[in-house]
Each structure stands twice: as structure tokens, then as C-alpha cells.
Amino acid sequence: MKTNMLKSGIFLLSGIALCMGYSCSKDDSSETSDQELSQTEVKTVLEADDLSAIADDIVAEAYMDNSSSGKSAKGTNECYVAVYDDNGFTMTFENCSIRNHQNVNGTLNVVYTGQGENASFRVTYDNFSVGDIEFNGTRSFTMEMGTNQNSVAYNVTSELTITKANGNVLEVNGSKGVLITFGQTLEEITFSISGKWSVKEGENRYSLDVKEALVGNLACEFLTEGVLEINKNGLVVSIDWGDGECDDIATLIYPNEVKTDFSLRD
């Protein structure tokens, strides 16, 4: 049961970013200074979670393979080689198609760093790419089961470099807590996100701090409530996802209390 919950939790964790509206800000191509934050920049710093979720999705599939066929020391299929031991596993990919992801290449290594009720593992990406997106660095996960195993809490710590298809590089550092509560329907499968992390692109560094837990469920395409503060080179703004209603509107709040509603859809 615990193993099944861990599998489910990893899959949900890798898909949560898709519910957060992280890649859906309207484009604003106007130039900005250090004292401005455009909706395009909001999209840039938040899409790091979308991209990280792609890598997590591959790890989830690798974990499934390890659980089902990891009794052997080494496994192969048409496009990857996997080596398993008691401490984890290493997978080397060459032009793989995994789940909905095409052209997966490079190496990921998973090391188990804890056992028992508080399972944990560290994933290292070495020139690991999915399509035109490349990952290098580490993501560490700690998992704790809830009472009656109806929930799972994750802490995710990232020291990750993501090279996007356009050549821009995102440096992602920091920790995030995710509580997933399971239910019978998609609406009853809820998640809550907290934490502090940073995203650096070029000369700009963005520090992100969850001021009010970011909450959502799998029946809604976007977050339903929560407040995220973004500090761009000293300029502090907030994004407010609302009070629980499922819609595509969020509010950008500047230090002078000026508020701008924007759609989370493309």
C-alpha cells in the first residue's frame, strides 16, 4: 500500500504544475526595468515548475520500472539501460519516448537517502534532456505518509539548471513543500504548496516566497487560492490566485497596492 501511495504521489507531484497556471500568463513583450515586472517575466519565473515537472515525470516512470522489474541488477529496453542496486538506480537514455515525452536522452541517477515511513531520494541529472530542454543538477525529495495513508507530504529541494529550447538558462534553487490529499473524485484530490525558492535568468534573479498556501485540486485547471510573493532585484510584487473559485483569473499586486487582473490562459 505504501509503495502504491508513493507511486501515486510522485505522479501527482509531477503533474501539479499543470494545474497551477504557471505557463499561461498573457504575453507582454514590452521592455521592463528593475522596477517593473511584466506578465512575460511572471510566466518565465513560474514556468520553471512546468519544466521541472517534465523531469519529475520521467523519474516517476523510472520508479515504476524499478518497482516492477528492479529485482534484476540490470535492465534494458530499446532505448535505455538501467542499473539497479539496493541504494537506487541509474538510467541512461538514448532517443527514448516515455509516456508523453519524446526524444529523451542523457542520464539520471536516483539515490535512496532514507527508508521507513519517511522515504527520501535524490535525483541527479547529467546532460539529461527531454526534447529541446536540458537538465543538470539535483532534485531531492522527502516523503511522509499521512494518517490512514490518505495523504502524502513532499519536500522538494532543487539545485537545478534548466536550458530551454531558446537557449536561455534558468537556475532553480530552494525548497518547496507539497501536501497531497487523496480522494474519490478529482475535485477531492487536493494539494497545498508552501516554500521559498529562487529562479535566475540572465542578470535577473527572482526570489519566490509563498505567503499564503497555494491550493488547488485536480478538477480545476488552475490554482484556486493562495498568494505568492516575487522579489525581482528588490522589486516585490504578489500574485493572488483568489478565494477558492475555479477560474483563470489571478491578480498581480504592486507595492503601491495597484492591482492588475490577468488571465492565466495563453
Protein backbone atom coordinates (compact mmCIF):
# COMPACT_ATOMS: atom_id res chain seq x y z
CA MET A 1 0.00 0.00 0.00
CA LYS A 2 2.80 2.40 0.91
CA THR A 3 4.58 1.72 -2.37
CA ASN A 4 1.41 2.36 -4.34
CA MET A 5 0.83 5.63 -2.48
CA LEU A 6 4.41 6.69 -3.18
CA LYS A 7 3.94 5.97 -6.88
CA SER A 8 0.69 7.92 -6.91
CA GLY A 9 2.28 10.78 -5.04
CA ILE A 10 5.19 11.07 -7.43
CA PHE A 11 2.87 11.05 -10.45
CA LEU A 12 0.64 13.71 -8.87
CA LEU A 13 3.64 15.80 -7.87
CA SER A 14 4.97 15.75 -11.41
CA GLY A 15 1.59 16.85 -12.75
CA ILE A 16 0.67 19.51 -10.21
CA ALA A 17 2.44 22.30 -12.08
CA LEU A 18 0.00 21.79 -14.92
CA CYS A 19 -2.82 22.80 -12.57
CA MET A 20 -1.08 25.94 -11.40
CA GLY A 21 -1.42 28.11 -14.48
CA TYR A 22 2.34 28.53 -14.44
CA SER A 23 2.73 28.63 -18.20
CA CYS A 24 -0.39 30.54 -19.03
CA SER A 25 0.24 34.26 -18.42
CA LYS A 26 -0.64 36.50 -21.34
CA ASP A 27 2.39 37.69 -23.25
CA ASP A 28 3.63 41.22 -22.70
CA SER A 29 6.56 41.98 -24.98
CA SER A 30 7.25 45.48 -23.68
CA GLU A 31 10.67 46.13 -22.17
CA THR A 32 10.86 46.39 -18.39
CA SER A 33 13.33 47.85 -15.90
CA ASP A 34 14.37 46.55 -12.49
CA GLN A 35 11.39 48.46 -11.08
CA GLU A 36 8.84 46.67 -13.24
CA LEU A 37 7.67 43.10 -13.58
CA SER A 38 5.87 42.19 -16.77
CA GLN A 39 3.45 39.31 -17.19
CA THR A 40 6.04 37.76 -19.51
CA GLU A 41 8.52 37.72 -16.62
CA VAL A 42 5.89 36.20 -14.36
CA LYS A 43 5.49 33.46 -16.93
CA THR A 44 9.27 32.98 -17.16
CA VAL A 45 9.89 32.52 -13.45
CA LEU A 46 6.84 30.34 -12.87
CA GLU A 47 7.39 28.09 -15.88
CA ALA A 48 10.45 26.67 -14.11
CA ASP A 49 7.99 24.45 -12.25
CA ASP A 50 6.39 23.33 -15.51
CA LEU A 51 9.81 22.37 -16.84
CA SER A 52 10.91 20.67 -13.62
CA ALA A 53 7.69 18.64 -13.74
CA ILE A 54 8.80 17.20 -17.09
CA ALA A 55 11.92 15.76 -15.47
CA ASP A 56 9.92 14.55 -12.45
CA ASP A 57 7.56 12.74 -14.81
CA ILE A 58 10.45 10.70 -16.21
CA VAL A 59 11.60 9.88 -12.67
CA ALA A 60 8.09 8.68 -11.83
CA GLU A 61 8.16 6.32 -14.81
CA ALA A 62 11.65 5.16 -13.81
CA TYR A 63 10.42 4.47 -10.30
CA MET A 64 7.60 2.37 -11.70
CA ASP A 65 10.08 0.37 -13.76
CA ASN A 66 12.30 -0.08 -10.72
CA SER A 67 9.39 -1.31 -8.61
CA SER A 68 8.15 -3.77 -11.23
CA SER A 69 11.39 -5.06 -12.72
CA GLY A 70 14.12 -3.78 -10.42
CA LYS A 71 14.84 -7.17 -8.88
CA SER A 72 17.43 -7.74 -11.57
CA ALA A 73 20.71 -5.89 -11.39
CA LYS A 74 20.42 -4.52 -14.90
CA GLY A 75 17.58 -3.92 -17.31
CA THR A 76 17.39 -2.77 -20.89
CA ASN A 77 14.79 -1.93 -23.45
CA GLU A 78 15.03 -0.47 -26.93
CA CYS A 79 16.25 2.96 -25.84
CA TYR A 80 17.67 2.92 -22.31
CA VAL A 81 19.90 0.96 -19.98
CA ALA A 82 19.03 0.81 -16.28
CA VAL A 83 21.24 -0.41 -13.46
CA TYR A 84 19.60 -1.10 -10.08
CA ASP A 85 21.03 -1.81 -6.65
CA ASP A 86 19.94 -1.50 -3.04
CA ASN A 87 20.89 2.17 -2.96
CA GLY A 88 18.98 3.31 -6.04
CA PHE A 89 19.27 3.12 -9.80
CA THR A 90 20.88 4.81 -12.81
CA MET A 91 19.19 5.13 -16.19
CA THR A 92 20.88 6.19 -19.43
CA PHE A 93 18.53 7.16 -22.25
CA GLU A 94 19.06 7.42 -25.98
CA ASN A 95 16.26 8.90 -28.10
CA CYS A 96 13.52 7.46 -25.89
CA SER A 97 9.79 8.04 -25.97
CA ILE A 98 8.47 7.85 -22.42
CA ARG A 99 4.85 8.48 -21.55
CA ASN A 100 4.05 11.70 -23.49
CA HIS A 101 7.67 12.83 -23.81
CA GLN A 102 9.72 12.41 -26.97
CA ASN A 103 13.47 12.36 -27.59
CA VAL A 104 14.62 11.66 -24.01
CA ASN A 105 18.43 11.48 -23.72
CA GLY A 106 21.15 11.53 -21.07
CA THR A 107 21.49 10.09 -17.60
CA LEU A 108 19.59 10.30 -14.34
CA ASN A 109 20.73 8.75 -11.09
CA VAL A 110 18.43 8.10 -8.12
CA VAL A 111 19.93 7.51 -4.68
CA TYR A 112 17.71 6.47 -1.78
CA THR A 113 18.62 8.64 1.19
CA GLY A 114 16.02 7.44 3.70
CA GLN A 115 13.81 4.49 4.42
CA GLY A 116 10.78 3.63 6.52
CA GLU A 117 7.86 5.98 6.90
CA ASN A 118 9.93 9.00 5.80
CA ALA A 119 11.24 7.77 2.46
CA SER A 120 13.57 10.11 0.61
CA PHE A 121 15.70 10.11 -2.51
CA ARG A 122 17.96 12.40 -4.52
CA VAL A 123 17.85 12.61 -8.31
CA THR A 124 20.93 13.80 -10.22
CA TYR A 125 20.53 14.86 -13.84
CA ASP A 126 23.62 14.69 -16.08
CA ASN A 127 23.13 16.27 -19.50
CA PHE A 128 19.61 14.89 -19.29
CA SER A 129 17.31 16.25 -21.99
CA VAL A 130 13.67 15.92 -22.95
CA GLY A 131 13.14 17.23 -26.44
CA ASP A 132 14.94 20.58 -26.62
CA ILE A 133 15.07 21.10 -22.84
CA GLU A 134 18.20 20.07 -20.91
CA PHE A 135 18.54 19.45 -17.15
CA ASN A 136 21.65 19.36 -14.98
CA GLY A 137 21.88 19.27 -11.20
CA THR A 138 19.85 17.69 -8.42
CA ARG A 139 16.32 17.46 -7.01
CA SER A 140 15.91 15.91 -3.56
CA PHE A 141 12.57 14.52 -2.36
CA THR A 142 11.44 13.62 1.16
CA MET A 143 8.09 11.86 1.57
CA GLU A 144 5.97 11.35 4.67
CA MET A 145 2.70 9.45 4.70
CA GLY A 146 -0.32 11.00 6.42
CA THR A 147 -2.65 9.42 8.93
CA ASN A 148 -4.51 6.42 7.47
CA GLN A 149 -2.35 6.85 4.33
CA ASN A 150 -4.90 9.22 2.77
CA SER A 151 -2.33 11.93 2.18
CA VAL A 152 1.34 12.31 1.37
CA ALA A 153 3.64 15.26 2.10
CA TYR A 154 6.68 16.00 -0.03
CA ASN A 155 9.55 18.36 0.47
CA VAL A 156 11.42 19.10 -2.76
CA THR A 157 14.82 20.80 -2.72
CA SER A 158 16.26 21.89 -6.07
CA GLU A 159 19.74 22.80 -7.23
CA LEU A 160 18.89 22.58 -10.89
CA THR A 161 19.94 24.23 -14.13
CA ILE A 162 17.41 24.14 -16.98
CA THR A 163 18.39 25.11 -20.51
CA LYS A 164 15.29 26.00 -22.50
CA ALA A 165 14.71 25.39 -26.20
CA ASN A 166 15.59 29.04 -26.99
CA GLY A 167 18.95 28.67 -25.24
CA ASN A 168 18.00 30.69 -22.16
CA VAL A 169 19.20 29.18 -18.89
CA LEU A 170 17.16 29.02 -15.68
CA GLU A 171 18.91 28.37 -12.36
CA VAL A 172 16.45 26.99 -9.80
CA ASN A 173 17.38 26.77 -6.11
CA GLY A 174 15.40 26.34 -2.91
CA SER A 175 12.77 24.18 -1.24
CA LYS A 176 9.08 23.62 -1.65
CA GLY A 177 6.60 21.66 0.44
CA VAL A 178 3.66 19.89 -1.18
CA LEU A 179 0.80 18.22 0.69
CA ILE A 180 -1.36 15.96 -1.47
CA THR A 181 -4.65 14.67 -0.05
CA PHE A 182 -6.28 11.78 -1.89
CA GLY A 183 -10.00 11.45 -2.53
CA GLN A 184 -12.58 9.60 -4.59
CA THR A 185 -13.01 12.31 -7.24
CA LEU A 186 -10.62 14.68 -8.99
CA GLU A 187 -12.09 17.57 -7.02
CA GLU A 188 -11.38 15.72 -3.76
CA ILE A 189 -7.72 15.16 -4.72
CA THR A 190 -6.27 18.40 -3.40
CA PHE A 191 -2.81 19.85 -2.97
CA SER A 192 -1.28 22.66 -0.97
CA ILE A 193 2.12 24.23 -1.71
CA SER A 194 4.44 26.23 0.52
CA GLY A 195 8.11 27.20 0.48
CA LYS A 196 10.79 29.58 -0.73
CA TRP A 197 12.90 29.22 -3.87
CA SER A 198 14.64 31.33 -6.50
CA VAL A 199 14.89 31.43 -10.28
CA LYS A 200 17.73 33.21 -12.05
CA GLU A 201 17.70 34.01 -15.77
CA GLY A 202 20.44 36.16 -17.22
CA GLU A 203 21.06 39.20 -14.99
CA ASN A 204 17.70 38.91 -13.28
CA ARG A 205 17.15 36.97 -10.08
CA TYR A 206 13.64 36.27 -8.82
CA SER A 207 13.02 35.13 -5.24
CA LEU A 208 9.67 33.41 -4.67
CA ASP A 209 8.01 33.14 -1.26
CA VAL A 210 4.60 31.55 -0.63
CA LYS A 211 2.82 33.94 1.74
CA GLU A 212 -0.50 32.07 1.76
CA ALA A 213 -0.54 28.39 0.80
CA LEU A 214 -1.14 27.78 -2.90
CA VAL A 215 -4.15 25.48 -3.06
CA GLY A 216 -5.75 23.55 -5.89
CA ASN A 217 -7.39 20.31 -6.92
CA LEU A 218 -7.16 18.04 -9.94
CA ALA A 219 -10.60 19.05 -11.21
CA CYS A 220 -9.51 22.65 -11.77
CA GLU A 221 -7.04 23.67 -14.44
CA PHE A 222 -5.60 26.42 -12.24
CA LEU A 223 -4.83 27.14 -8.62
CA THR A 224 -7.93 28.15 -6.68
CA GLU A 225 -6.36 30.24 -3.91
CA GLY A 226 -3.09 31.42 -2.41
CA VAL A 227 -0.60 34.28 -2.56
CA LEU A 228 2.93 34.09 -3.99
CA GLU A 229 5.40 36.94 -3.47
CA ILE A 230 8.04 37.56 -6.14
CA ASN A 231 11.11 39.71 -5.47
CA LYS A 232 12.83 40.82 -8.67
CA ASN A 233 16.12 42.54 -7.93
CA GLY A 234 14.49 44.31 -4.97
CA LEU A 235 11.06 44.95 -6.51
CA VAL A 236 8.45 42.97 -4.58
CA VAL A 237 5.10 42.06 -6.16
CA SER A 238 2.48 39.45 -5.30
CA ILE A 239 0.27 37.12 -7.30
CA ASP A 240 -3.10 36.34 -5.71
CA TRP A 241 -4.98 33.33 -7.12
CA GLY A 242 -8.25 34.17 -5.39
CA ASP A 243 -10.50 32.79 -2.68
CA GLY A 244 -11.24 29.25 -3.81
CA GLU A 245 -13.20 29.69 -7.02
CA CYS A 246 -12.04 27.72 -10.05
CA ASP A 247 -11.31 30.30 -12.74
CA ASP A 248 -8.48 31.51 -14.96
CA ILE A 249 -8.00 34.92 -13.29
CA ALA A 250 -5.14 35.92 -10.99
CA THR A 251 -4.23 39.35 -9.63
CA LEU A 252 -0.82 41.00 -9.83
CA ILE A 253 -0.31 43.34 -6.85
CA TYR A 254 2.41 46.01 -6.82
CA PRO A 255 3.97 47.65 -3.70
CA ASN A 256 1.79 50.76 -4.17
CA GLU A 257 -1.28 48.47 -3.95
CA VAL A 258 -2.04 48.85 -7.66
CA LYS A 259 -3.76 45.64 -8.75
CA THR A 260 -4.00 44.16 -12.22
CA ASP A 261 -6.14 41.13 -13.05
CA PHE A 262 -4.83 38.90 -15.83
CA SER A 263 -5.88 35.68 -17.48
CA LEU A 264 -3.84 32.55 -16.83
CA ARG A 265 -4.72 31.20 -20.26
CA ASP A 266 -2.49 31.61 -23.32
